[in-house]
């Protein structure tokens, strides 16, 4: 993948979504109301309670039933583990295949089989069916004001400890990505269940900071840190600059990348932000039920009541349709092998 290719893909996806917004949504298939009436949809969240993915999924779950003919119940269940790969594996192997099982998974789980060949993949991200993504996000690196690391330049010169979860999670992979492509001097401390645990470790002084924290999730979980000026935002990580972060003076990741070759690696890894809050169903889900769920998802993320609820929860909504997410994922899996090989090394320990 040449430099800028991933960015072009993201922009094309956004443009396609914008063009599609003016078109009427497909009508639900005949009999859809009878099919879902009285049923319960299981929504499996690949993250722990109180984390960003949990907040998004529960917000979606409060509004999605209104847009599904028959208005089924939705039961949200948390299944954290391996950067939500555990949840994705459950959806593709054990969950119902009849349109009553949905997974909310992290983008690291989607690109994991592309960038990690140490173990046999537990699911195929190109074959699961995507309902859509609620947000195309930006991630950040942050430290507390009490840390010696106050800027990203400090992080390249001063030894520090940064927290991470596990492979396929952005806090782990982005931490190593910046070490290998921008020369940061921090040591990674892995094994935290999620960002709430890492935030507590920051407050206790056990670690200096976190990278790969979704900006929207950060504001939802720790908005008081910004309000009370307790945090340094060192870096914004996305294909295009985030207006709010740019206004705050937070530098883009590309300002600190060491070389053109490293830039291509960074672009490939962070392309996952295009589908940051994805919802999937098993590959075997019948086309009729897939169409109903995709239409319901599109209606939900455009619903003023949902958007008001999302604003109250302090989460950003920048949706992408299921068909477009499916297309972007397929394109990523066609990336040149040499760039993929370099990216694999960049997101893991030496």
C-alpha atoms as a PDB file:
ATOM      1  CA  UNK A   1       0.000   0.000   0.000  1.00  0.00           C
ATOM      2  CA  UNK A   2       1.564   3.294  -1.075  1.00  0.00           C
ATOM      3  CA  UNK A   3       1.544   6.275   1.278  1.00  0.00           C
ATOM      4  CA  UNK A   4      -1.872   7.912   1.119  1.00  0.00           C
ATOM      5  CA  UNK A   5      -3.700   4.821  -0.189  1.00  0.00           C
ATOM      6  CA  UNK A   6      -5.323   4.051   3.158  1.00  0.00           C
ATOM      7  CA  UNK A   7      -6.273   7.700   3.571  1.00  0.00           C
ATOM      8  CA  UNK A   8      -7.860   7.704   0.128  1.00  0.00           C
ATOM      9  CA  UNK A   9      -9.860   4.596   1.041  1.00  0.00           C
ATOM     10  CA  UNK A  10     -11.173   6.293   4.149  1.00  0.00           C
ATOM     11  CA  UNK A  11     -12.134   9.432   2.257  1.00  0.00           C
ATOM     12  CA  UNK A  12     -13.839   7.386  -0.457  1.00  0.00           C
ATOM     13  CA  UNK A  13     -15.790   5.517   2.180  1.00  0.00           C
ATOM     14  CA  UNK A  14     -16.920   8.763   3.798  1.00  0.00           C
ATOM     15  CA  UNK A  15     -17.924  10.212   0.422  1.00  0.00           C
ATOM     16  CA  UNK A  16     -19.896   7.104  -0.480  1.00  0.00           C
ATOM     17  CA  UNK A  17     -21.746   7.294   2.804  1.00  0.00           C
ATOM     18  CA  UNK A  18     -22.570  10.947   2.259  1.00  0.00           C
ATOM     19  CA  UNK A  19     -23.939  10.217  -1.219  1.00  0.00           C
ATOM     20  CA  UNK A  20     -25.996   7.341   0.132  1.00  0.00           C
ATOM     21  CA  UNK A  21     -27.497   9.476   2.881  1.00  0.00           C
ATOM     22  CA  UNK A  22     -29.895  11.140   0.474  1.00  0.00           C
ATOM     23  CA  UNK A  23     -31.224   7.856  -0.915  1.00  0.00           C
ATOM     24  CA  UNK A  24     -34.307   6.229   0.601  1.00  0.00           C
ATOM     25  CA  UNK A  25     -33.613   3.237   2.834  1.00  0.00           C
ATOM     26  CA  UNK A  26     -34.722  -0.149   1.555  1.00  0.00           C
ATOM     27  CA  UNK A  27     -38.030  -1.309   2.866  1.00  0.00           C
ATOM     28  CA  UNK A  28     -37.944  -4.244   5.250  1.00  0.00           C
ATOM     29  CA  UNK A  29     -38.767  -7.601   3.629  1.00  0.00           C
ATOM     30  CA  UNK A  30     -42.350  -8.819   3.888  1.00  0.00           C
ATOM     31  CA  UNK A  31     -42.886 -10.843   7.025  1.00  0.00           C
ATOM     32  CA  UNK A  32     -40.021  -9.173   8.894  1.00  0.00           C
ATOM     33  CA  UNK A  33     -42.362  -7.924  11.622  1.00  0.00           C
ATOM     34  CA  UNK A  34     -43.643 -11.442  12.195  1.00  0.00           C
ATOM     35  CA  UNK A  35     -40.094 -12.804  12.269  1.00  0.00           C
ATOM     36  CA  UNK A  36     -38.698 -10.555  15.003  1.00  0.00           C
ATOM     37  CA  UNK A  37     -41.864 -10.102  17.061  1.00  0.00           C
ATOM     38  CA  UNK A  38     -41.352 -11.681  20.482  1.00  0.00           C
ATOM     39  CA  UNK A  39     -37.704 -12.524  19.807  1.00  0.00           C
ATOM     40  CA  UNK A  40     -34.599 -11.461  21.771  1.00  0.00           C
ATOM     41  CA  UNK A  41     -31.385 -10.317  20.109  1.00  0.00           C
ATOM     42  CA  UNK A  42     -28.157 -11.086  21.959  1.00  0.00           C
ATOM     43  CA  UNK A  43     -25.661  -8.212  21.663  1.00  0.00           C
ATOM     44  CA  UNK A  44     -22.172  -9.394  22.635  1.00  0.00           C
ATOM     45  CA  UNK A  45     -19.748  -6.602  23.536  1.00  0.00           C
ATOM     46  CA  UNK A  46     -16.073  -7.452  23.100  1.00  0.00           C
ATOM     47  CA  UNK A  47     -15.032  -5.194  25.972  1.00  0.00           C
ATOM     48  CA  UNK A  48     -15.590  -4.891  29.693  1.00  0.00           C
ATOM     49  CA  UNK A  49     -18.383  -2.999  31.493  1.00  0.00           C
ATOM     50  CA  UNK A  50     -17.923   0.757  31.562  1.00  0.00           C
ATOM     51  CA  UNK A  51     -15.422   0.868  28.696  1.00  0.00           C
ATOM     52  CA  UNK A  52     -15.894   2.773  25.459  1.00  0.00           C
ATOM     53  CA  UNK A  53     -17.257  -0.171  23.474  1.00  0.00           C
ATOM     54  CA  UNK A  54     -19.717  -0.964  26.245  1.00  0.00           C
ATOM     55  CA  UNK A  55     -20.973   2.633  26.350  1.00  0.00           C
ATOM     56  CA  UNK A  56     -21.471   2.712  22.579  1.00  0.00           C
ATOM     57  CA  UNK A  57     -23.159  -0.704  22.426  1.00  0.00           C
ATOM     58  CA  UNK A  58     -25.609   0.045  25.220  1.00  0.00           C
ATOM     59  CA  UNK A  59     -26.501   3.372  23.629  1.00  0.00           C
ATOM     60  CA  UNK A  60     -27.168   1.636  20.299  1.00  0.00           C
ATOM     61  CA  UNK A  61     -29.143  -1.115  22.061  1.00  0.00           C
ATOM     62  CA  UNK A  62     -31.519   1.397  23.647  1.00  0.00           C
ATOM     63  CA  UNK A  63     -32.645   2.644  20.223  1.00  0.00           C
ATOM     64  CA  UNK A  64     -32.106  -0.146  17.687  1.00  0.00           C
ATOM     65  CA  UNK A  65     -35.282  -2.142  18.564  1.00  0.00           C
ATOM     66  CA  UNK A  66     -37.561   0.749  17.509  1.00  0.00           C
ATOM     67  CA  UNK A  67     -36.222   0.438  13.976  1.00  0.00           C
ATOM     68  CA  UNK A  68     -36.538  -3.349  13.678  1.00  0.00           C
ATOM     69  CA  UNK A  69     -39.992  -4.509  12.572  1.00  0.00           C
ATOM     70  CA  UNK A  70     -41.514  -6.457  15.472  1.00  0.00           C
ATOM     71  CA  UNK A  71     -39.407  -4.503  18.004  1.00  0.00           C
ATOM     72  CA  UNK A  72     -37.482  -7.428  19.550  1.00  0.00           C
ATOM     73  CA  UNK A  73     -35.787  -7.172  22.923  1.00  0.00           C
ATOM     74  CA  UNK A  74     -32.007  -6.657  22.985  1.00  0.00           C
ATOM     75  CA  UNK A  75     -29.932  -8.137  25.797  1.00  0.00           C
ATOM     76  CA  UNK A  76     -26.382  -6.762  26.109  1.00  0.00           C
ATOM     77  CA  UNK A  77     -23.692  -9.128  27.389  1.00  0.00           C
ATOM     78  CA  UNK A  78     -20.010  -8.343  27.957  1.00  0.00           C
ATOM     79  CA  UNK A  79     -17.408 -10.792  26.698  1.00  0.00           C
ATOM     80  CA  UNK A  80     -13.980  -9.127  26.988  1.00  0.00           C
ATOM     81  CA  UNK A  81     -10.804 -10.927  25.985  1.00  0.00           C
ATOM     82  CA  UNK A  82      -8.006 -10.782  23.385  1.00  0.00           C
ATOM     83  CA  UNK A  83      -9.007  -7.355  22.104  1.00  0.00           C
ATOM     84  CA  UNK A  84     -12.594  -8.612  21.494  1.00  0.00           C
ATOM     85  CA  UNK A  85     -11.404 -11.582  19.420  1.00  0.00           C
ATOM     86  CA  UNK A  86     -13.100 -13.802  22.011  1.00  0.00           C
ATOM     87  CA  UNK A  87     -16.434 -12.116  21.258  1.00  0.00           C
ATOM     88  CA  UNK A  88     -15.885 -12.327  17.497  1.00  0.00           C
ATOM     89  CA  UNK A  89     -15.062 -16.046  17.806  1.00  0.00           C
ATOM     90  CA  UNK A  90     -18.256 -16.598  19.797  1.00  0.00           C
ATOM     91  CA  UNK A  91     -20.356 -14.797  17.181  1.00  0.00           C
ATOM     92  CA  UNK A  92     -18.955 -16.920  14.351  1.00  0.00           C
ATOM     93  CA  UNK A  93     -18.988 -20.303  16.101  1.00  0.00           C
ATOM     94  CA  UNK A  94     -21.477 -20.531  18.966  1.00  0.00           C
ATOM     95  CA  UNK A  95     -23.995 -17.708  18.531  1.00  0.00           C
ATOM     96  CA  UNK A  96     -27.332 -18.164  16.779  1.00  0.00           C
ATOM     97  CA  UNK A  97     -27.142 -17.885  12.997  1.00  0.00           C
ATOM     98  CA  UNK A  98     -30.725 -16.702  12.520  1.00  0.00           C
ATOM     99  CA  UNK A  99     -30.316 -12.946  12.881  1.00  0.00           C
ATOM    100  CA  UNK A 100     -30.652 -12.855  16.668  1.00  0.00           C
ATOM    101  CA  UNK A 101     -26.931 -12.505  17.509  1.00  0.00           C
ATOM    102  CA  UNK A 102     -24.862  -9.354  17.034  1.00  0.00           C
ATOM    103  CA  UNK A 103     -21.294  -8.594  18.103  1.00  0.00           C
ATOM    104  CA  UNK A 104     -19.790  -5.208  18.971  1.00  0.00           C
ATOM    105  CA  UNK A 105     -16.088  -5.661  18.290  1.00  0.00           C
ATOM    106  CA  UNK A 106     -12.894  -3.658  18.259  1.00  0.00           C
ATOM    107  CA  UNK A 107     -11.147  -2.909  14.961  1.00  0.00           C
ATOM    108  CA  UNK A 108      -8.021  -4.636  16.242  1.00  0.00           C
ATOM    109  CA  UNK A 109      -9.911  -7.918  16.127  1.00  0.00           C
ATOM    110  CA  UNK A 110     -10.828  -7.243  12.500  1.00  0.00           C
ATOM    111  CA  UNK A 111      -7.266  -6.526  11.354  1.00  0.00           C
ATOM    112  CA  UNK A 112      -5.732  -9.034  13.784  1.00  0.00           C
ATOM    113  CA  UNK A 113      -5.682 -12.007  11.400  1.00  0.00           C
ATOM    114  CA  UNK A 114      -3.998  -9.774   8.801  1.00  0.00           C
ATOM    115  CA  UNK A 115      -1.266  -8.556  11.147  1.00  0.00           C
ATOM    116  CA  UNK A 116      -0.722 -11.541  13.463  1.00  0.00           C
ATOM    117  CA  UNK A 117       0.209 -14.902  11.943  1.00  0.00           C
ATOM    118  CA  UNK A 118       1.530 -16.462  15.158  1.00  0.00           C
ATOM    119  CA  UNK A 119      -1.709 -18.322  15.771  1.00  0.00           C
ATOM    120  CA  UNK A 120      -4.492 -19.684  13.597  1.00  0.00           C
ATOM    121  CA  UNK A 121      -7.228 -17.035  13.313  1.00  0.00           C
ATOM    122  CA  UNK A 122     -10.348 -17.868  15.301  1.00  0.00           C
ATOM    123  CA  UNK A 123     -12.620 -16.142  12.779  1.00  0.00           C
ATOM    124  CA  UNK A 124     -12.429 -14.688   9.272  1.00  0.00           C
ATOM    125  CA  UNK A 125     -13.052 -10.897   9.305  1.00  0.00           C
ATOM    126  CA  UNK A 126     -13.734 -10.905   5.546  1.00  0.00           C
ATOM    127  CA  UNK A 127     -16.604 -13.383   5.904  1.00  0.00           C
ATOM    128  CA  UNK A 128     -18.527 -12.058   8.903  1.00  0.00           C
ATOM    129  CA  UNK A 129     -21.304  -9.683   7.861  1.00  0.00           C
ATOM    130  CA  UNK A 130     -21.131  -6.065   8.983  1.00  0.00           C
ATOM    131  CA  UNK A 131     -24.190  -4.093  10.052  1.00  0.00           C
ATOM    132  CA  UNK A 132     -22.189  -0.871  10.129  1.00  0.00           C
ATOM    133  CA  UNK A 133     -19.991   1.193  12.402  1.00  0.00           C
ATOM    134  CA  UNK A 134     -21.222   3.883  14.765  1.00  0.00           C
ATOM    135  CA  UNK A 135     -18.038   5.909  14.615  1.00  0.00           C
ATOM    136  CA  UNK A 136     -14.912   6.472  12.559  1.00  0.00           C
ATOM    137  CA  UNK A 137     -12.652   7.685  15.287  1.00  0.00           C
ATOM    138  CA  UNK A 138      -9.384   9.249  16.344  1.00  0.00           C
ATOM    139  CA  UNK A 139      -7.129   7.843  19.056  1.00  0.00           C
ATOM    140  CA  UNK A 140      -4.840   9.715  21.394  1.00  0.00           C
ATOM    141  CA  UNK A 141      -1.818   9.335  23.646  1.00  0.00           C
ATOM    142  CA  UNK A 142      -2.288  10.898  27.094  1.00  0.00           C
ATOM    143  CA  UNK A 143      -0.371  11.374  30.344  1.00  0.00           C
ATOM    144  CA  UNK A 144      -1.274  12.948  33.672  1.00  0.00           C
ATOM    145  CA  UNK A 145       0.002  16.447  34.443  1.00  0.00           C
ATOM    146  CA  UNK A 146       2.062  14.857  37.246  1.00  0.00           C
ATOM    147  CA  UNK A 147       4.116  12.878  34.707  1.00  0.00           C
ATOM    148  CA  UNK A 148       7.474  14.036  33.364  1.00  0.00           C
ATOM    149  CA  UNK A 149       6.079  13.233  29.892  1.00  0.00           C
ATOM    150  CA  UNK A 150       4.237  16.413  28.958  1.00  0.00           C
ATOM    151  CA  UNK A 151       4.718  16.351  25.173  1.00  0.00           C
ATOM    152  CA  UNK A 152       5.325  13.665  22.575  1.00  0.00           C
ATOM    153  CA  UNK A 153       8.878  14.963  22.182  1.00  0.00           C
ATOM    154  CA  UNK A 154       9.390  14.228  25.895  1.00  0.00           C
ATOM    155  CA  UNK A 155       8.237  10.660  25.238  1.00  0.00           C
ATOM    156  CA  UNK A 156      11.048  10.241  22.702  1.00  0.00           C
ATOM    157  CA  UNK A 157      13.714  11.288  25.219  1.00  0.00           C
ATOM    158  CA  UNK A 158      12.546  10.333  28.728  1.00  0.00           C
ATOM    159  CA  UNK A 159      12.005   6.783  29.976  1.00  0.00           C
ATOM    160  CA  UNK A 160       8.440   6.106  31.044  1.00  0.00           C
ATOM    161  CA  UNK A 161       5.822   3.374  31.446  1.00  0.00           C
ATOM    162  CA  UNK A 162       2.739   3.199  29.249  1.00  0.00           C
ATOM    163  CA  UNK A 163      -0.165   0.850  29.835  1.00  0.00           C
ATOM    164  CA  UNK A 164      -1.646  -1.615  27.388  1.00  0.00           C
ATOM    165  CA  UNK A 165      -4.140  -4.427  27.272  1.00  0.00           C
ATOM    166  CA  UNK A 166      -3.291  -7.311  24.920  1.00  0.00           C
ATOM    167  CA  UNK A 167      -2.644  -8.063  21.233  1.00  0.00           C
ATOM    168  CA  UNK A 168      -5.504  -6.876  18.968  1.00  0.00           C
ATOM    169  CA  UNK A 169      -6.247  -4.015  21.391  1.00  0.00           C
ATOM    170  CA  UNK A 170      -5.252  -0.510  20.326  1.00  0.00           C
ATOM    171  CA  UNK A 171      -3.684   0.405  23.690  1.00  0.00           C
ATOM    172  CA  UNK A 172      -1.218  -2.457  23.208  1.00  0.00           C
ATOM    173  CA  UNK A 173      -0.602  -2.240  19.466  1.00  0.00           C
ATOM    174  CA  UNK A 174      -0.433   1.548  19.180  1.00  0.00           C
ATOM    175  CA  UNK A 175       1.966   1.679  22.126  1.00  0.00           C
ATOM    176  CA  UNK A 176       4.409  -0.560  20.247  1.00  0.00           C
ATOM    177  CA  UNK A 177       3.639   1.116  16.906  1.00  0.00           C
ATOM    178  CA  UNK A 178       4.863   4.481  18.222  1.00  0.00           C
ATOM    179  CA  UNK A 179       7.956   2.884  19.779  1.00  0.00           C
ATOM    180  CA  UNK A 180       8.953   1.357  16.461  1.00  0.00           C
ATOM    181  CA  UNK A 181       7.946   4.111  14.024  1.00  0.00           C
ATOM    182  CA  UNK A 182       8.454   7.278  16.115  1.00  0.00           C
ATOM    183  CA  UNK A 183      11.183   6.190  18.531  1.00  0.00           C
ATOM    184  CA  UNK A 184       9.401   6.666  21.852  1.00  0.00           C
ATOM    185  CA  UNK A 185      11.394   5.653  24.930  1.00  0.00           C
ATOM    186  CA  UNK A 186       8.580   4.181  27.007  1.00  0.00           C
ATOM    187  CA  UNK A 187       8.302   0.610  28.204  1.00  0.00           C
ATOM    188  CA  UNK A 188       4.972  -1.103  27.683  1.00  0.00           C
ATOM    189  CA  UNK A 189       3.164  -2.536  30.728  1.00  0.00           C
ATOM    190  CA  UNK A 190       0.568  -4.909  29.292  1.00  0.00           C
ATOM    191  CA  UNK A 191      -2.200  -6.991  30.812  1.00  0.00           C
ATOM    192  CA  UNK A 192      -4.746  -4.371  31.875  1.00  0.00           C
ATOM    193  CA  UNK A 193      -8.359  -5.455  31.204  1.00  0.00           C
ATOM    194  CA  UNK A 194      -9.348  -2.096  29.723  1.00  0.00           C
ATOM    195  CA  UNK A 195      -8.977   1.680  29.741  1.00  0.00           C
ATOM    196  CA  UNK A 196     -10.849   2.141  33.073  1.00  0.00           C
ATOM    197  CA  UNK A 197      -8.151   0.023  34.759  1.00  0.00           C
ATOM    198  CA  UNK A 198      -5.356   1.882  32.977  1.00  0.00           C
ATOM    199  CA  UNK A 199      -6.856   5.242  33.959  1.00  0.00           C
ATOM    200  CA  UNK A 200      -6.841   4.136  37.596  1.00  0.00           C
ATOM    201  CA  UNK A 201      -3.199   3.048  37.228  1.00  0.00           C
ATOM    202  CA  UNK A 202      -2.367   6.499  35.841  1.00  0.00           C
ATOM    203  CA  UNK A 203      -4.035   8.175  38.817  1.00  0.00           C
ATOM    204  CA  UNK A 204      -2.043   5.958  41.181  1.00  0.00           C
ATOM    205  CA  UNK A 205       1.219   6.751  39.384  1.00  0.00           C
ATOM    206  CA  UNK A 206       1.794   3.127  38.368  1.00  0.00           C
ATOM    207  CA  UNK A 207       2.070   4.112  34.699  1.00  0.00           C
ATOM    208  CA  UNK A 208       2.690   7.437  32.974  1.00  0.00           C
ATOM    209  CA  UNK A 209       0.143   7.180  30.226  1.00  0.00           C
ATOM    210  CA  UNK A 210      -1.820   5.378  27.537  1.00  0.00           C
ATOM    211  CA  UNK A 211      -1.762   5.398  23.743  1.00  0.00           C
ATOM    212  CA  UNK A 212      -4.525   4.124  21.496  1.00  0.00           C
ATOM    213  CA  UNK A 213      -7.306   5.527  23.705  1.00  0.00           C
ATOM    214  CA  UNK A 214     -10.261   6.478  21.530  1.00  0.00           C
ATOM    215  CA  UNK A 215     -10.825  10.231  21.847  1.00  0.00           C
ATOM    216  CA  UNK A 216     -14.582   9.887  22.116  1.00  0.00           C
ATOM    217  CA  UNK A 217     -14.260   7.185  24.777  1.00  0.00           C
ATOM    218  CA  UNK A 218     -11.716   9.260  26.668  1.00  0.00           C
ATOM    219  CA  UNK A 219     -14.096  12.213  26.852  1.00  0.00           C
ATOM    220  CA  UNK A 220     -16.950   9.950  27.918  1.00  0.00           C
ATOM    221  CA  UNK A 221     -14.928   8.121  30.576  1.00  0.00           C
ATOM    222  CA  UNK A 222     -12.624  10.856  31.842  1.00  0.00           C
ATOM    223  CA  UNK A 223     -14.057  14.162  30.709  1.00  0.00           C
ATOM    224  CA  UNK A 224     -13.271  15.646  34.110  1.00  0.00           C
ATOM    225  CA  UNK A 225      -9.556  15.225  33.408  1.00  0.00           C
ATOM    226  CA  UNK A 226      -9.913  17.685  30.537  1.00  0.00           C
ATOM    227  CA  UNK A 227     -12.223  19.971  32.484  1.00  0.00           C
ATOM    228  CA  UNK A 228      -9.865  20.132  35.465  1.00  0.00           C
ATOM    229  CA  UNK A 229      -6.676  20.339  33.351  1.00  0.00           C
ATOM    230  CA  UNK A 230      -5.274  17.102  34.761  1.00  0.00           C
ATOM    231  CA  UNK A 231      -4.105  15.555  31.514  1.00  0.00           C
ATOM    232  CA  UNK A 232      -1.626  16.108  28.678  1.00  0.00           C
ATOM    233  CA  UNK A 233      -2.871  15.043  25.233  1.00  0.00           C
ATOM    234  CA  UNK A 234       0.393  14.176  23.476  1.00  0.00           C
ATOM    235  CA  UNK A 235      -0.673  12.919  20.060  1.00  0.00           C
ATOM    236  CA  UNK A 236      -3.684  12.425  17.798  1.00  0.00           C
ATOM    237  CA  UNK A 237      -3.694   9.275  15.681  1.00  0.00           C
ATOM    238  CA  UNK A 238      -5.956   9.151  12.623  1.00  0.00           C
ATOM    239  CA  UNK A 239      -5.672   9.341   8.857  1.00  0.00           C
ATOM    240  CA  UNK A 240      -6.961  12.916   8.878  1.00  0.00           C
ATOM    241  CA  UNK A 241      -6.556  15.545  11.640  1.00  0.00           C
ATOM    242  CA  UNK A 242      -9.379  15.827  14.159  1.00  0.00           C
ATOM    243  CA  UNK A 243     -10.666  19.445  14.240  1.00  0.00           C
ATOM    244  CA  UNK A 244     -11.108  19.585  18.026  1.00  0.00           C
ATOM    245  CA  UNK A 245      -7.676  18.138  18.754  1.00  0.00           C
ATOM    246  CA  UNK A 246      -6.018  20.287  16.118  1.00  0.00           C
ATOM    247  CA  UNK A 247      -7.569  23.378  17.706  1.00  0.00           C
ATOM    248  CA  UNK A 248      -6.079  22.221  21.027  1.00  0.00           C
ATOM    249  CA  UNK A 249      -2.639  22.109  19.388  1.00  0.00           C
ATOM    250  CA  UNK A 250      -2.281  18.312  19.566  1.00  0.00           C
ATOM    251  CA  UNK A 251       0.167  17.129  16.852  1.00  0.00           C
ATOM    252  CA  UNK A 252      -0.683  14.455  14.299  1.00  0.00           C
ATOM    253  CA  UNK A 253       1.073  11.111  14.440  1.00  0.00           C
ATOM    254  CA  UNK A 254       2.546  11.788  11.006  1.00  0.00           C
ATOM    255  CA  UNK A 255       4.586  14.708  12.363  1.00  0.00           C
ATOM    256  CA  UNK A 256       6.685  12.233  14.351  1.00  0.00           C
ATOM    257  CA  UNK A 257       7.003   9.233  12.005  1.00  0.00           C
ATOM    258  CA  UNK A 258      10.645   8.439  11.260  1.00  0.00           C
ATOM    259  CA  UNK A 259      10.556   7.625   7.518  1.00  0.00           C
ATOM    260  CA  UNK A 260       8.361   7.184   4.440  1.00  0.00           C
ATOM    261  CA  UNK A 261       8.462   3.403   4.920  1.00  0.00           C
ATOM    262  CA  UNK A 262       7.278   3.819   8.510  1.00  0.00           C
ATOM    263  CA  UNK A 263       4.538   6.156   7.321  1.00  0.00           C
ATOM    264  CA  UNK A 264       3.144   3.399   5.097  1.00  0.00           C
ATOM    265  CA  UNK A 265       3.129   1.045   8.085  1.00  0.00           C
ATOM    266  CA  UNK A 266       1.358   3.599  10.283  1.00  0.00           C
ATOM    267  CA  UNK A 267      -1.257   4.255   7.590  1.00  0.00           C
ATOM    268  CA  UNK A 268      -2.022   0.544   7.271  1.00  0.00           C
ATOM    269  CA  UNK A 269      -2.342  -0.014  11.028  1.00  0.00           C
ATOM    270  CA  UNK A 270      -4.482   3.027  11.765  1.00  0.00           C
ATOM    271  CA  UNK A 271      -6.780   2.471   8.767  1.00  0.00           C
ATOM    272  CA  UNK A 272      -8.820   0.405  11.214  1.00  0.00           C
ATOM    273  CA  UNK A 273     -10.112   3.679  12.673  1.00  0.00           C
ATOM    274  CA  UNK A 274     -12.399   3.889   9.627  1.00  0.00           C
ATOM    275  CA  UNK A 275     -14.537   1.144  11.208  1.00  0.00           C
ATOM    276  CA  UNK A 276     -13.876   1.860  14.857  1.00  0.00           C
ATOM    277  CA  UNK A 277     -17.249   0.808  16.379  1.00  0.00           C
ATOM    278  CA  UNK A 278     -18.289  -2.108  14.208  1.00  0.00           C
ATOM    279  CA  UNK A 279     -21.261  -4.424  14.649  1.00  0.00           C
ATOM    280  CA  UNK A 280     -21.156  -7.879  13.077  1.00  0.00           C
ATOM    281  CA  UNK A 281     -23.363 -10.931  12.619  1.00  0.00           C
ATOM    282  CA  UNK A 282     -22.364 -14.493  11.684  1.00  0.00           C
ATOM    283  CA  UNK A 283     -21.540 -15.246   8.027  1.00  0.00           C
ATOM    284  CA  UNK A 284     -24.519 -17.632   7.866  1.00  0.00           C
ATOM    285  CA  UNK A 285     -27.085 -14.978   8.812  1.00  0.00           C
ATOM    286  CA  UNK A 286     -29.923 -15.152   6.245  1.00  0.00           C
ATOM    287  CA  UNK A 287     -29.953 -12.328   3.698  1.00  0.00           C
ATOM    288  CA  UNK A 288     -33.466 -11.254   4.724  1.00  0.00           C
ATOM    289  CA  UNK A 289     -32.470 -10.781   8.370  1.00  0.00           C
ATOM    290  CA  UNK A 290     -29.174  -9.118   7.392  1.00  0.00           C
ATOM    291  CA  UNK A 291     -31.101  -6.589   5.287  1.00  0.00           C
ATOM    292  CA  UNK A 292     -33.474  -5.858   8.168  1.00  0.00           C
ATOM    293  CA  UNK A 293     -30.655  -5.352  10.665  1.00  0.00           C
ATOM    294  CA  UNK A 294     -28.567  -3.200   8.316  1.00  0.00           C
ATOM    295  CA  UNK A 295     -31.556  -0.968   7.546  1.00  0.00           C
ATOM    296  CA  UNK A 296     -32.377  -0.709  11.252  1.00  0.00           C
ATOM    297  CA  UNK A 297     -28.791   0.215  12.093  1.00  0.00           C
ATOM    298  CA  UNK A 298     -28.725   2.949   9.421  1.00  0.00           C
ATOM    299  CA  UNK A 299     -31.994   4.373  10.746  1.00  0.00           C
ATOM    300  CA  UNK A 300     -30.776   4.226  14.338  1.00  0.00           C
ATOM    301  CA  UNK A 301     -27.557   6.193  13.791  1.00  0.00           C
ATOM    302  CA  UNK A 302     -29.589   8.902  12.014  1.00  0.00           C
ATOM    303  CA  UNK A 303     -32.354   8.992  14.639  1.00  0.00           C
ATOM    304  CA  UNK A 304     -32.511  12.352  16.501  1.00  0.00           C
ATOM    305  CA  UNK A 305     -33.428  10.551  19.743  1.00  0.00           C
ATOM    306  CA  UNK A 306     -30.364   8.324  19.433  1.00  0.00           C
ATOM    307  CA  UNK A 307     -28.113  11.273  18.587  1.00  0.00           C
ATOM    308  CA  UNK A 308     -29.387  13.190  21.613  1.00  0.00           C
ATOM    309  CA  UNK A 309     -28.708  10.167  23.813  1.00  0.00           C
ATOM    310  CA  UNK A 310     -25.208   9.830  22.313  1.00  0.00           C
ATOM    311  CA  UNK A 311     -24.505  13.502  23.005  1.00  0.00           C
ATOM    312  CA  UNK A 312     -25.626  13.012  26.603  1.00  0.00           C
ATOM    313  CA  UNK A 313     -23.219  10.061  26.901  1.00  0.00           C
ATOM    314  CA  UNK A 314     -20.488  12.222  25.325  1.00  0.00           C
ATOM    315  CA  UNK A 315     -19.793   9.797  22.473  1.00  0.00           C
ATOM    316  CA  UNK A 316     -19.152  10.859  18.887  1.00  0.00           C
ATOM    317  CA  UNK A 317     -21.231   9.435  16.058  1.00  0.00           C
ATOM    318  CA  UNK A 318     -19.727   9.275  12.561  1.00  0.00           C
ATOM    319  CA  UNK A 319     -21.388   6.200  11.018  1.00  0.00           C
ATOM    320  CA  UNK A 320     -20.530   4.060   8.025  1.00  0.00           C
ATOM    321  CA  UNK A 321     -22.894   1.575   6.395  1.00  0.00           C
ATOM    322  CA  UNK A 322     -22.439  -2.182   6.680  1.00  0.00           C
ATOM    323  CA  UNK A 323     -21.835  -2.604   2.957  1.00  0.00           C
ATOM    324  CA  UNK A 324     -19.133   0.060   3.018  1.00  0.00           C
ATOM    325  CA  UNK A 325     -17.393  -1.467   6.056  1.00  0.00           C
ATOM    326  CA  UNK A 326     -17.462  -4.840   4.272  1.00  0.00           C
ATOM    327  CA  UNK A 327     -15.757  -3.224   1.275  1.00  0.00           C
ATOM    328  CA  UNK A 328     -13.069  -1.446   3.343  1.00  0.00           C
ATOM    329  CA  UNK A 329     -12.190  -4.644   5.241  1.00  0.00           C
ATOM    330  CA  UNK A 330     -11.860  -6.611   2.001  1.00  0.00           C
ATOM    331  CA  UNK A 331      -9.565  -3.917   0.588  1.00  0.00           C
ATOM    332  CA  UNK A 332      -7.317  -3.956   3.656  1.00  0.00           C
ATOM    333  CA  UNK A 333      -6.868  -7.719   3.289  1.00  0.00           C
ATOM    334  CA  UNK A 334      -5.545  -7.118  -0.227  1.00  0.00           C
ATOM    335  CA  UNK A 335      -2.688  -4.901   1.056  1.00  0.00           C
ATOM    336  CA  UNK A 336       0.834  -5.557  -0.351  1.00  0.00           C
ATOM    337  CA  UNK A 337       2.650  -8.311   1.523  1.00  0.00           C
ATOM    338  CA  UNK A 338       5.813  -6.304   2.235  1.00  0.00           C
ATOM    339  CA  UNK A 339       3.883  -3.516   4.003  1.00  0.00           C
ATOM    340  CA  UNK A 340       1.886  -6.086   5.960  1.00  0.00           C
ATOM    341  CA  UNK A 341       5.099  -7.826   7.039  1.00  0.00           C
ATOM    342  CA  UNK A 342       6.603  -4.580   8.348  1.00  0.00           C
ATOM    343  CA  UNK A 343       3.355  -3.673  10.107  1.00  0.00           C
ATOM    344  CA  UNK A 344       3.288  -7.055  11.894  1.00  0.00           C
ATOM    345  CA  UNK A 345       6.648  -6.317  13.481  1.00  0.00           C
ATOM    346  CA  UNK A 346       5.754  -2.748  14.368  1.00  0.00           C
ATOM    347  CA  UNK A 347       2.823  -3.612  16.663  1.00  0.00           C
ATOM    348  CA  UNK A 348       4.571  -6.290  18.738  1.00  0.00           C
ATOM    349  CA  UNK A 349       7.491  -6.368  21.193  1.00  0.00           C
ATOM    350  CA  UNK A 350      10.964  -6.637  19.691  1.00  0.00           C
END
